[in-house]
Amino acid sequence: MGDYMSEQQIARRRASRTQDQKYDSGYFDFISFQEEQIVTGPPVELLNNRFKTFSYYHVEIFQALAGKRQALYQQRKMENVFLEEIGRQDNLIFTKVLGGEADCFTIGFYRDIKHYAEGSGVSAEAENEAAKKAGFEGANTIGSYLRTLLLEHHDTLANAVRAD
């Protein structure tokens, strides 16, 4: 935090025109909303490796109901167990340290939109068993349980833009 808020880092961000711009800066001609948030999550090497390997992303952003932040985090971990049990890759989970409204967000990584949309290839019975192993009542309750924990939920799909 001390490094991030240092005069040198603030000057670097201003020079890069990405954040912390002066109020009358032309930067604001291109954006409608800006918010800084500091989060904790998996090692940056893992994040960078997935961004290098995959080109399509599913980002889910969550704001928990009062008293439900820890349960939301546990639900995201349970869903990762479910995904791994059915042969899918887990999502990277990030949790709020300070700033912003989001308590938690996850990023799922895929080769492309077809990879994102494809089924697991396992039977409904196997999915149900995987859900139970992860701690859910069944596969058909994963989403409904998640929604009992949320004030807000936003998600988006994104495609990599590469310079090479």
N, C-alpha and C. Protein backbone atom coordinates (compact mmCIF):
# COMPACT_ATOMS: atom_id res chain seq x y z
N MET A 1 0.83 -1.19 0.00
CA MET A 1 0.00 0.00 0.00
C MET A 1 0.87 1.26 0.00
N GLY A 2 1.92 1.24 0.82
CA GLY A 2 2.80 2.40 0.87
C GLY A 2 3.43 2.67 -0.48
N ASP A 3 3.85 1.62 -1.15
CA ASP A 3 4.45 1.78 -2.48
C ASP A 3 3.41 2.31 -3.47
N TYR A 4 2.21 1.75 -3.45
CA TYR A 4 1.17 2.15 -4.38
C TYR A 4 0.80 3.62 -4.21
N MET A 5 0.78 4.10 -2.98
CA MET A 5 0.38 5.48 -2.70
C MET A 5 1.56 6.45 -2.68
N SER A 6 2.76 5.98 -3.00
CA SER A 6 3.92 6.87 -2.99
C SER A 6 3.81 7.91 -4.10
N GLU A 7 4.47 9.04 -3.92
CA GLU A 7 4.45 10.11 -4.92
C GLU A 7 4.94 9.60 -6.28
N GLN A 8 5.96 8.75 -6.25
CA GLN A 8 6.52 8.21 -7.49
C GLN A 8 5.48 7.37 -8.24
N GLN A 9 4.76 6.51 -7.53
CA GLN A 9 3.76 5.66 -8.19
C GLN A 9 2.56 6.47 -8.67
N ILE A 10 2.16 7.47 -7.91
CA ILE A 10 1.06 8.34 -8.35
C ILE A 10 1.46 9.06 -9.62
N ALA A 11 2.69 9.58 -9.66
CA ALA A 11 3.18 10.26 -10.86
C ALA A 11 3.24 9.30 -12.05
N ARG A 12 3.67 8.07 -11.81
CA ARG A 12 3.73 7.06 -12.88
C ARG A 12 2.33 6.78 -13.43
N ARG A 13 1.34 6.64 -12.55
CA ARG A 13 -0.03 6.38 -13.02
C ARG A 13 -0.57 7.57 -13.81
N ARG A 14 -0.28 8.78 -13.33
CA ARG A 14 -0.74 9.96 -14.06
C ARG A 14 -0.10 10.01 -15.45
N ALA A 15 1.16 9.68 -15.52
CA ALA A 15 1.87 9.71 -16.81
C ALA A 15 1.35 8.64 -17.76
N SER A 16 0.91 7.52 -17.22
CA SER A 16 0.43 6.43 -18.07
C SER A 16 -1.00 6.66 -18.55
N ARG A 17 -1.66 7.65 -18.01
CA ARG A 17 -3.04 8.00 -18.38
C ARG A 17 -4.01 6.86 -18.11
N THR A 18 -3.74 6.03 -17.11
CA THR A 18 -4.65 4.93 -16.82
C THR A 18 -5.48 5.15 -15.56
N GLN A 19 -4.92 5.83 -14.58
CA GLN A 19 -5.64 6.05 -13.34
C GLN A 19 -5.14 7.32 -12.69
N ASP A 20 -5.88 7.77 -11.70
CA ASP A 20 -5.48 8.88 -10.86
C ASP A 20 -5.21 10.15 -11.67
N GLN A 21 -6.07 10.42 -12.64
CA GLN A 21 -5.91 11.60 -13.48
C GLN A 21 -6.46 12.84 -12.79
N LYS A 22 -5.94 13.99 -13.13
CA LYS A 22 -6.45 15.25 -12.61
C LYS A 22 -7.87 15.45 -13.13
N TYR A 23 -8.68 16.16 -12.37
CA TYR A 23 -10.10 16.31 -12.68
C TYR A 23 -10.35 16.90 -14.07
N ASP A 24 -9.53 17.84 -14.50
CA ASP A 24 -9.75 18.47 -15.80
C ASP A 24 -8.99 17.76 -16.93
N SER A 25 -8.50 16.58 -16.67
CA SER A 25 -7.75 15.82 -17.66
C SER A 25 -8.65 15.34 -18.79
N GLY A 26 -8.12 15.28 -20.00
CA GLY A 26 -8.84 14.73 -21.14
C GLY A 26 -9.15 13.25 -20.97
N TYR A 27 -8.50 12.62 -20.01
CA TYR A 27 -8.75 11.21 -19.71
C TYR A 27 -10.24 10.96 -19.51
N PHE A 28 -10.91 11.87 -18.85
CA PHE A 28 -12.32 11.69 -18.52
C PHE A 28 -13.25 11.86 -19.71
N ASP A 29 -12.72 12.23 -20.85
CA ASP A 29 -13.51 12.26 -22.08
C ASP A 29 -13.78 10.85 -22.59
N PHE A 30 -13.07 9.88 -22.05
CA PHE A 30 -13.16 8.51 -22.54
C PHE A 30 -13.79 7.53 -21.55
N ILE A 31 -14.11 7.97 -20.34
CA ILE A 31 -14.68 7.05 -19.36
C ILE A 31 -15.90 7.67 -18.69
N SER A 32 -16.77 6.81 -18.19
CA SER A 32 -17.94 7.26 -17.44
C SER A 32 -17.82 6.97 -15.96
N PHE A 33 -16.96 6.04 -15.60
CA PHE A 33 -16.86 5.61 -14.21
C PHE A 33 -15.45 5.12 -13.95
N GLN A 34 -14.91 5.46 -12.80
CA GLN A 34 -13.59 4.99 -12.41
C GLN A 34 -13.64 4.64 -10.94
N GLU A 35 -13.04 3.51 -10.60
CA GLU A 35 -13.01 3.08 -9.21
C GLU A 35 -11.76 2.25 -8.99
N GLU A 36 -11.07 2.53 -7.92
CA GLU A 36 -9.90 1.73 -7.58
C GLU A 36 -10.28 0.76 -6.48
N GLN A 37 -9.74 -0.43 -6.60
CA GLN A 37 -9.98 -1.45 -5.59
C GLN A 37 -8.71 -2.27 -5.44
N ILE A 38 -8.38 -2.57 -4.23
CA ILE A 38 -7.24 -3.42 -3.95
C ILE A 38 -7.79 -4.77 -3.48
N VAL A 39 -7.30 -5.83 -4.11
CA VAL A 39 -7.80 -7.17 -3.83
C VAL A 39 -6.64 -8.10 -3.52
N THR A 40 -6.97 -9.23 -2.94
CA THR A 40 -6.00 -10.30 -2.76
C THR A 40 -6.52 -11.51 -3.52
N GLY A 41 -5.60 -12.32 -3.98
CA GLY A 41 -6.00 -13.48 -4.77
C GLY A 41 -4.83 -14.41 -4.99
N PRO A 42 -4.94 -15.19 -6.06
CA PRO A 42 -3.88 -16.16 -6.35
C PRO A 42 -2.58 -15.45 -6.73
N PRO A 43 -1.48 -16.20 -6.76
CA PRO A 43 -0.20 -15.59 -7.13
C PRO A 43 -0.26 -14.95 -8.52
N VAL A 44 0.38 -13.81 -8.67
CA VAL A 44 0.36 -13.08 -9.94
C VAL A 44 0.92 -13.92 -11.07
N GLU A 45 1.84 -14.82 -10.78
CA GLU A 45 2.39 -15.69 -11.82
C GLU A 45 1.31 -16.58 -12.42
N LEU A 46 0.43 -17.11 -11.57
CA LEU A 46 -0.67 -17.94 -12.04
C LEU A 46 -1.62 -17.11 -12.90
N LEU A 47 -1.95 -15.93 -12.44
CA LEU A 47 -2.83 -15.03 -13.20
C LEU A 47 -2.21 -14.71 -14.56
N ASN A 48 -0.95 -14.32 -14.57
CA ASN A 48 -0.28 -13.99 -15.83
C ASN A 48 -0.20 -15.19 -16.77
N ASN A 49 0.07 -16.37 -16.22
CA ASN A 49 0.14 -17.57 -17.04
C ASN A 49 -1.21 -17.87 -17.70
N ARG A 50 -2.28 -17.73 -16.95
CA ARG A 50 -3.60 -17.99 -17.54
C ARG A 50 -3.94 -16.96 -18.61
N PHE A 51 -3.58 -15.70 -18.37
CA PHE A 51 -3.85 -14.69 -19.39
C PHE A 51 -3.03 -14.94 -20.65
N LYS A 52 -1.83 -15.48 -20.50
CA LYS A 52 -1.01 -15.81 -21.67
C LYS A 52 -1.54 -17.04 -22.40
N THR A 53 -2.09 -17.98 -21.66
CA THR A 53 -2.53 -19.26 -22.22
C THR A 53 -3.91 -19.18 -22.86
N PHE A 54 -4.80 -18.41 -22.26
CA PHE A 54 -6.20 -18.37 -22.70
C PHE A 54 -6.54 -17.01 -23.27
N SER A 55 -7.56 -17.00 -24.13
CA SER A 55 -7.93 -15.76 -24.82
C SER A 55 -9.35 -15.31 -24.55
N TYR A 56 -10.08 -16.02 -23.72
CA TYR A 56 -11.48 -15.68 -23.47
C TYR A 56 -11.73 -15.79 -21.97
N TYR A 57 -12.45 -14.83 -21.40
CA TYR A 57 -12.57 -14.73 -19.96
C TYR A 57 -14.02 -14.50 -19.54
N HIS A 58 -14.40 -15.16 -18.45
CA HIS A 58 -15.70 -14.92 -17.83
C HIS A 58 -15.42 -14.31 -16.47
N VAL A 59 -15.80 -13.04 -16.31
CA VAL A 59 -15.56 -12.32 -15.07
C VAL A 59 -16.89 -12.16 -14.35
N GLU A 60 -16.93 -12.63 -13.11
CA GLU A 60 -18.13 -12.46 -12.28
C GLU A 60 -17.76 -11.60 -11.08
N ILE A 61 -18.57 -10.56 -10.85
CA ILE A 61 -18.28 -9.58 -9.81
C ILE A 61 -19.45 -9.60 -8.82
N PHE A 62 -19.13 -9.75 -7.54
CA PHE A 62 -20.16 -9.96 -6.52
C PHE A 62 -20.08 -8.94 -5.40
N GLN A 63 -21.24 -8.49 -4.96
CA GLN A 63 -21.36 -7.72 -3.73
C GLN A 63 -22.26 -8.54 -2.82
N ALA A 64 -21.73 -8.94 -1.69
CA ALA A 64 -22.45 -9.82 -0.77
C ALA A 64 -23.47 -9.04 0.05
N LEU A 65 -24.51 -9.75 0.47
CA LEU A 65 -25.43 -9.20 1.47
C LEU A 65 -24.68 -9.05 2.79
N ALA A 66 -25.18 -8.19 3.66
CA ALA A 66 -24.57 -7.99 4.97
C ALA A 66 -24.42 -9.33 5.68
N GLY A 67 -23.25 -9.58 6.21
CA GLY A 67 -23.00 -10.80 6.95
C GLY A 67 -22.75 -12.03 6.09
N LYS A 68 -22.68 -11.88 4.77
CA LYS A 68 -22.55 -13.03 3.88
C LYS A 68 -21.24 -13.07 3.11
N ARG A 69 -20.31 -12.18 3.42
CA ARG A 69 -19.05 -12.15 2.66
C ARG A 69 -18.28 -13.46 2.76
N GLN A 70 -18.15 -13.99 3.95
CA GLN A 70 -17.40 -15.23 4.12
C GLN A 70 -18.13 -16.40 3.44
N ALA A 71 -19.44 -16.43 3.55
CA ALA A 71 -20.22 -17.49 2.88
C ALA A 71 -20.08 -17.39 1.37
N LEU A 72 -20.01 -16.17 0.85
CA LEU A 72 -19.81 -15.99 -0.59
C LEU A 72 -18.45 -16.53 -1.01
N TYR A 73 -17.43 -16.22 -0.25
CA TYR A 73 -16.10 -16.74 -0.55
C TYR A 73 -16.10 -18.27 -0.52
N GLN A 74 -16.73 -18.84 0.47
CA GLN A 74 -16.80 -20.30 0.57
C GLN A 74 -17.57 -20.89 -0.62
N GLN A 75 -18.64 -20.22 -1.05
CA GLN A 75 -19.41 -20.71 -2.20
C GLN A 75 -18.54 -20.72 -3.45
N ARG A 76 -17.73 -19.69 -3.63
CA ARG A 76 -16.86 -19.65 -4.81
C ARG A 76 -15.85 -20.79 -4.76
N LYS A 77 -15.31 -21.09 -3.58
CA LYS A 77 -14.39 -22.22 -3.44
C LYS A 77 -15.10 -23.54 -3.70
N MET A 78 -16.34 -23.68 -3.21
CA MET A 78 -17.13 -24.89 -3.46
C MET A 78 -17.38 -25.07 -4.95
N GLU A 79 -17.69 -23.97 -5.62
CA GLU A 79 -17.94 -24.07 -7.06
C GLU A 79 -16.67 -24.51 -7.80
N ASN A 80 -15.52 -24.08 -7.34
CA ASN A 80 -14.27 -24.54 -7.95
C ASN A 80 -14.08 -26.05 -7.76
N VAL A 81 -14.43 -26.57 -6.60
CA VAL A 81 -14.36 -28.02 -6.39
C VAL A 81 -15.29 -28.71 -7.39
N PHE A 82 -16.50 -28.19 -7.54
CA PHE A 82 -17.44 -28.75 -8.50
C PHE A 82 -16.86 -28.74 -9.91
N LEU A 83 -16.30 -27.60 -10.32
CA LEU A 83 -15.73 -27.50 -11.66
C LEU A 83 -14.62 -28.52 -11.87
N GLU A 84 -13.74 -28.64 -10.91
CA GLU A 84 -12.64 -29.60 -11.04
C GLU A 84 -13.16 -31.04 -11.08
N GLU A 85 -14.20 -31.33 -10.30
CA GLU A 85 -14.78 -32.68 -10.28
C GLU A 85 -15.39 -33.07 -11.63
N ILE A 86 -15.88 -32.08 -12.37
CA ILE A 86 -16.48 -32.40 -13.68
C ILE A 86 -15.49 -32.16 -14.82
N GLY A 87 -14.22 -31.96 -14.47
CA GLY A 87 -13.18 -31.86 -15.49
C GLY A 87 -12.99 -30.48 -16.09
N ARG A 88 -13.53 -29.45 -15.43
CA ARG A 88 -13.34 -28.08 -15.89
C ARG A 88 -12.27 -27.41 -15.04
N GLN A 89 -11.68 -26.36 -15.58
CA GLN A 89 -10.67 -25.60 -14.84
C GLN A 89 -11.34 -24.70 -13.81
N ASP A 90 -10.70 -24.55 -12.67
CA ASP A 90 -11.24 -23.68 -11.63
C ASP A 90 -11.15 -22.22 -12.05
N ASN A 91 -11.94 -21.39 -11.38
CA ASN A 91 -11.90 -19.94 -11.54
C ASN A 91 -10.91 -19.36 -10.54
N LEU A 92 -10.24 -18.29 -10.91
CA LEU A 92 -9.40 -17.59 -9.95
C LEU A 92 -10.29 -16.67 -9.12
N ILE A 93 -10.09 -16.69 -7.82
CA ILE A 93 -10.93 -15.95 -6.88
C ILE A 93 -10.13 -14.80 -6.29
N PHE A 94 -10.74 -13.62 -6.29
CA PHE A 94 -10.13 -12.42 -5.72
C PHE A 94 -11.09 -11.84 -4.69
N THR A 95 -10.55 -11.41 -3.55
CA THR A 95 -11.39 -10.82 -2.51
C THR A 95 -10.89 -9.42 -2.16
N LYS A 96 -11.82 -8.61 -1.76
CA LYS A 96 -11.56 -7.20 -1.47
C LYS A 96 -10.69 -7.00 -0.23
N VAL A 97 -9.71 -6.12 -0.38
CA VAL A 97 -8.93 -5.63 0.75
C VAL A 97 -9.48 -4.27 1.14
N LEU A 98 -9.61 -3.38 0.14
CA LEU A 98 -10.23 -2.08 0.38
C LEU A 98 -10.62 -1.44 -0.94
N GLY A 99 -11.49 -0.44 -0.85
CA GLY A 99 -11.97 0.27 -2.02
C GLY A 99 -13.06 -0.50 -2.74
N GLY A 100 -13.75 0.16 -3.63
CA GLY A 100 -14.73 -0.49 -4.48
C GLY A 100 -15.89 -1.13 -3.75
N GLU A 101 -16.91 -1.47 -4.53
CA GLU A 101 -18.10 -2.12 -3.96
C GLU A 101 -18.00 -3.63 -3.98
N ALA A 102 -17.24 -4.19 -4.89
CA ALA A 102 -17.19 -5.64 -5.03
C ALA A 102 -16.50 -6.29 -3.84
N ASP A 103 -17.14 -7.28 -3.27
CA ASP A 103 -16.53 -8.04 -2.18
C ASP A 103 -15.65 -9.15 -2.71
N CYS A 104 -15.99 -9.62 -3.91
CA CYS A 104 -15.32 -10.77 -4.47
C CYS A 104 -15.53 -10.75 -5.98
N PHE A 105 -14.54 -11.22 -6.72
CA PHE A 105 -14.77 -11.47 -8.14
C PHE A 105 -13.96 -12.68 -8.56
N THR A 106 -14.45 -13.32 -9.61
CA THR A 106 -13.76 -14.50 -10.13
C THR A 106 -13.52 -14.31 -11.62
N ILE A 107 -12.46 -14.95 -12.09
CA ILE A 107 -12.17 -14.96 -13.52
C ILE A 107 -12.02 -16.41 -13.95
N GLY A 108 -12.84 -16.79 -14.92
CA GLY A 108 -12.73 -18.11 -15.54
C GLY A 108 -12.02 -17.93 -16.88
N PHE A 109 -11.17 -18.86 -17.22
CA PHE A 109 -10.33 -18.75 -18.42
C PHE A 109 -10.69 -19.83 -19.42
N TYR A 110 -10.82 -19.42 -20.69
CA TYR A 110 -11.24 -20.33 -21.76
C TYR A 110 -10.45 -20.02 -23.03
N ARG A 111 -10.38 -21.00 -23.92
CA ARG A 111 -9.69 -20.79 -25.19
C ARG A 111 -10.43 -19.79 -26.05
N ASP A 112 -11.76 -19.93 -26.09
CA ASP A 112 -12.61 -19.09 -26.95
C ASP A 112 -14.05 -19.24 -26.48
N ILE A 113 -14.99 -18.60 -27.17
CA ILE A 113 -16.38 -18.65 -26.75
C ILE A 113 -16.96 -20.06 -26.83
N LYS A 114 -16.50 -20.84 -27.79
CA LYS A 114 -16.98 -22.23 -27.89
C LYS A 114 -16.57 -23.04 -26.66
N HIS A 115 -15.34 -22.85 -26.22
CA HIS A 115 -14.86 -23.54 -25.02
C HIS A 115 -15.69 -23.12 -23.82
N TYR A 116 -15.99 -21.84 -23.70
CA TYR A 116 -16.82 -21.34 -22.59
C TYR A 116 -18.21 -21.98 -22.61
N ALA A 117 -18.79 -22.12 -23.79
CA ALA A 117 -20.17 -22.57 -23.92
C ALA A 117 -20.34 -24.09 -23.90
N GLU A 118 -19.26 -24.82 -24.11
CA GLU A 118 -19.42 -26.27 -24.21
C GLU A 118 -19.80 -26.89 -22.87
N GLY A 119 -20.55 -27.96 -22.94
CA GLY A 119 -20.95 -28.69 -21.75
C GLY A 119 -19.77 -29.43 -21.14
N SER A 120 -20.00 -29.94 -19.97
CA SER A 120 -18.94 -30.66 -19.27
C SER A 120 -18.68 -32.04 -19.86
N GLY A 121 -19.67 -32.58 -20.55
CA GLY A 121 -19.51 -33.91 -21.12
C GLY A 121 -19.74 -35.03 -20.12
N VAL A 122 -20.14 -34.69 -18.90
CA VAL A 122 -20.44 -35.72 -17.91
C VAL A 122 -21.95 -35.80 -17.74
N SER A 123 -22.41 -36.91 -17.26
CA SER A 123 -23.84 -37.14 -17.09
C SER A 123 -24.41 -36.23 -16.00
N ALA A 124 -25.72 -36.09 -16.01
CA ALA A 124 -26.40 -35.31 -14.97
C ALA A 124 -26.15 -35.94 -13.61
N GLU A 125 -26.10 -37.25 -13.57
CA GLU A 125 -25.84 -37.94 -12.29
C GLU A 125 -24.44 -37.62 -11.78
N ALA A 126 -23.46 -37.62 -12.68
CA ALA A 126 -22.08 -37.30 -12.28
C ALA A 126 -21.97 -35.84 -11.84
N GLU A 127 -22.66 -34.94 -12.53
CA GLU A 127 -22.66 -33.53 -12.11
C GLU A 127 -23.28 -33.40 -10.72
N ASN A 128 -24.35 -34.12 -10.49
CA ASN A 128 -25.02 -34.06 -9.20
C ASN A 128 -24.10 -34.58 -8.09
N GLU A 129 -23.40 -35.66 -8.34
CA GLU A 129 -22.46 -36.20 -7.36
C GLU A 129 -21.31 -35.22 -7.12
N ALA A 130 -20.83 -34.60 -8.18
CA ALA A 130 -19.75 -33.61 -8.04
C ALA A 130 -20.22 -32.43 -7.20
N ALA A 131 -21.45 -31.98 -7.42
CA ALA A 131 -22.00 -30.87 -6.64
C ALA A 131 -22.10 -31.25 -5.16
N LYS A 132 -22.55 -32.44 -4.89
CA LYS A 132 -22.66 -32.90 -3.49
C LYS A 132 -21.28 -33.00 -2.85
N LYS A 133 -20.31 -33.50 -3.60
CA LYS A 133 -18.94 -33.59 -3.08
C LYS A 133 -18.40 -32.20 -2.75
N ALA A 134 -18.81 -31.20 -3.54
CA ALA A 134 -18.36 -29.82 -3.31
C ALA A 134 -19.08 -29.16 -2.14
N GLY A 135 -20.19 -29.77 -1.67
CA GLY A 135 -20.91 -29.21 -0.53
C GLY A 135 -22.26 -28.63 -0.86
N PHE A 136 -22.69 -28.73 -2.12
CA PHE A 136 -24.01 -28.26 -2.51
C PHE A 136 -25.03 -29.37 -2.31
N GLU A 137 -26.31 -29.01 -2.29
CA GLU A 137 -27.37 -30.02 -2.21
C GLU A 137 -27.44 -30.84 -3.49
N GLY A 138 -27.11 -30.22 -4.60
CA GLY A 138 -27.13 -30.88 -5.90
C GLY A 138 -26.73 -29.88 -6.97
N ALA A 139 -26.55 -30.34 -8.18
CA ALA A 139 -26.11 -29.47 -9.27
C ALA A 139 -27.12 -28.38 -9.57
N ASN A 140 -28.40 -28.68 -9.37
CA ASN A 140 -29.43 -27.69 -9.69
C ASN A 140 -29.59 -26.61 -8.61
N THR A 141 -28.80 -26.68 -7.54
CA THR A 141 -28.91 -25.66 -6.49
C THR A 141 -27.70 -24.73 -6.42
N ILE A 142 -26.71 -24.95 -7.27
CA ILE A 142 -25.49 -24.13 -7.20
C ILE A 142 -25.81 -22.65 -7.41
N GLY A 143 -26.50 -22.33 -8.48
CA GLY A 143 -26.82 -20.93 -8.78
C GLY A 143 -27.79 -20.32 -7.80
N SER A 144 -28.81 -21.07 -7.40
CA SER A 144 -29.80 -20.51 -6.48
C SER A 144 -29.19 -20.26 -5.10
N TYR A 145 -28.27 -21.14 -4.66
CA TYR A 145 -27.60 -20.90 -3.39
C TYR A 145 -26.74 -19.63 -3.48
N LEU A 146 -26.00 -19.49 -4.57
CA LEU A 146 -25.18 -18.29 -4.76
C LEU A 146 -26.02 -17.03 -4.60
N ARG A 147 -27.19 -17.01 -5.22
CA ARG A 147 -28.01 -15.81 -5.21
C ARG A 147 -28.58 -15.47 -3.83
N THR A 148 -28.62 -16.43 -2.90
CA THR A 148 -29.07 -16.12 -1.54
C THR A 148 -28.04 -15.30 -0.78
N LEU A 149 -26.83 -15.18 -1.33
CA LEU A 149 -25.73 -14.49 -0.65
C LEU A 149 -25.48 -13.09 -1.20
N LEU A 150 -26.17 -12.71 -2.27
CA LEU A 150 -25.78 -11.54 -3.05
C LEU A 150 -26.72 -10.35 -2.94
N LEU A 151 -26.10 -9.18 -2.85
CA LEU A 151 -26.82 -7.93 -3.05
C LEU A 151 -26.80 -7.59 -4.54
N GLU A 152 -25.63 -7.75 -5.17
CA GLU A 152 -25.48 -7.50 -6.60
C GLU A 152 -24.55 -8.52 -7.22
N HIS A 153 -24.78 -8.76 -8.49
CA HIS A 153 -23.96 -9.69 -9.27
C HIS A 153 -23.87 -9.14 -10.68
N HIS A 154 -22.66 -8.94 -11.14
CA HIS A 154 -22.42 -8.50 -12.51
C HIS A 154 -21.45 -9.49 -13.13
N ASP A 155 -21.68 -9.80 -14.39
CA ASP A 155 -20.67 -10.60 -15.05
C ASP A 155 -20.53 -10.16 -16.49
N THR A 156 -19.40 -10.50 -17.05
CA THR A 156 -19.11 -10.11 -18.43
C THR A 156 -18.22 -11.16 -19.06
N LEU A 157 -18.26 -11.20 -20.36
CA LEU A 157 -17.36 -12.04 -21.14
C LEU A 157 -16.40 -11.10 -21.85
N ALA A 158 -15.14 -11.49 -21.89
CA ALA A 158 -14.12 -10.64 -22.51
C ALA A 158 -13.21 -11.48 -23.38
N ASN A 159 -12.74 -10.87 -24.43
CA ASN A 159 -11.82 -11.51 -25.35
C ASN A 159 -10.48 -10.79 -25.29
N ALA A 160 -9.40 -11.54 -25.34
CA ALA A 160 -8.06 -10.94 -25.28
C ALA A 160 -7.81 -10.09 -26.52
N VAL A 161 -7.13 -8.99 -26.32
CA VAL A 161 -6.63 -8.18 -27.41
C VAL A 161 -5.11 -8.23 -27.29
N ARG A 162 -4.49 -8.83 -28.27
CA ARG A 162 -3.04 -9.05 -28.20
C ARG A 162 -2.35 -8.21 -29.27
N ALA A 163 -1.18 -7.68 -28.90
CA ALA A 163 -0.41 -6.86 -29.83
C ALA A 163 0.41 -7.71 -30.80
N ASP A 164 0.66 -8.98 -30.46
CA ASP A 164 1.51 -9.81 -31.30
C ASP A 164 0.74 -10.65 -32.28
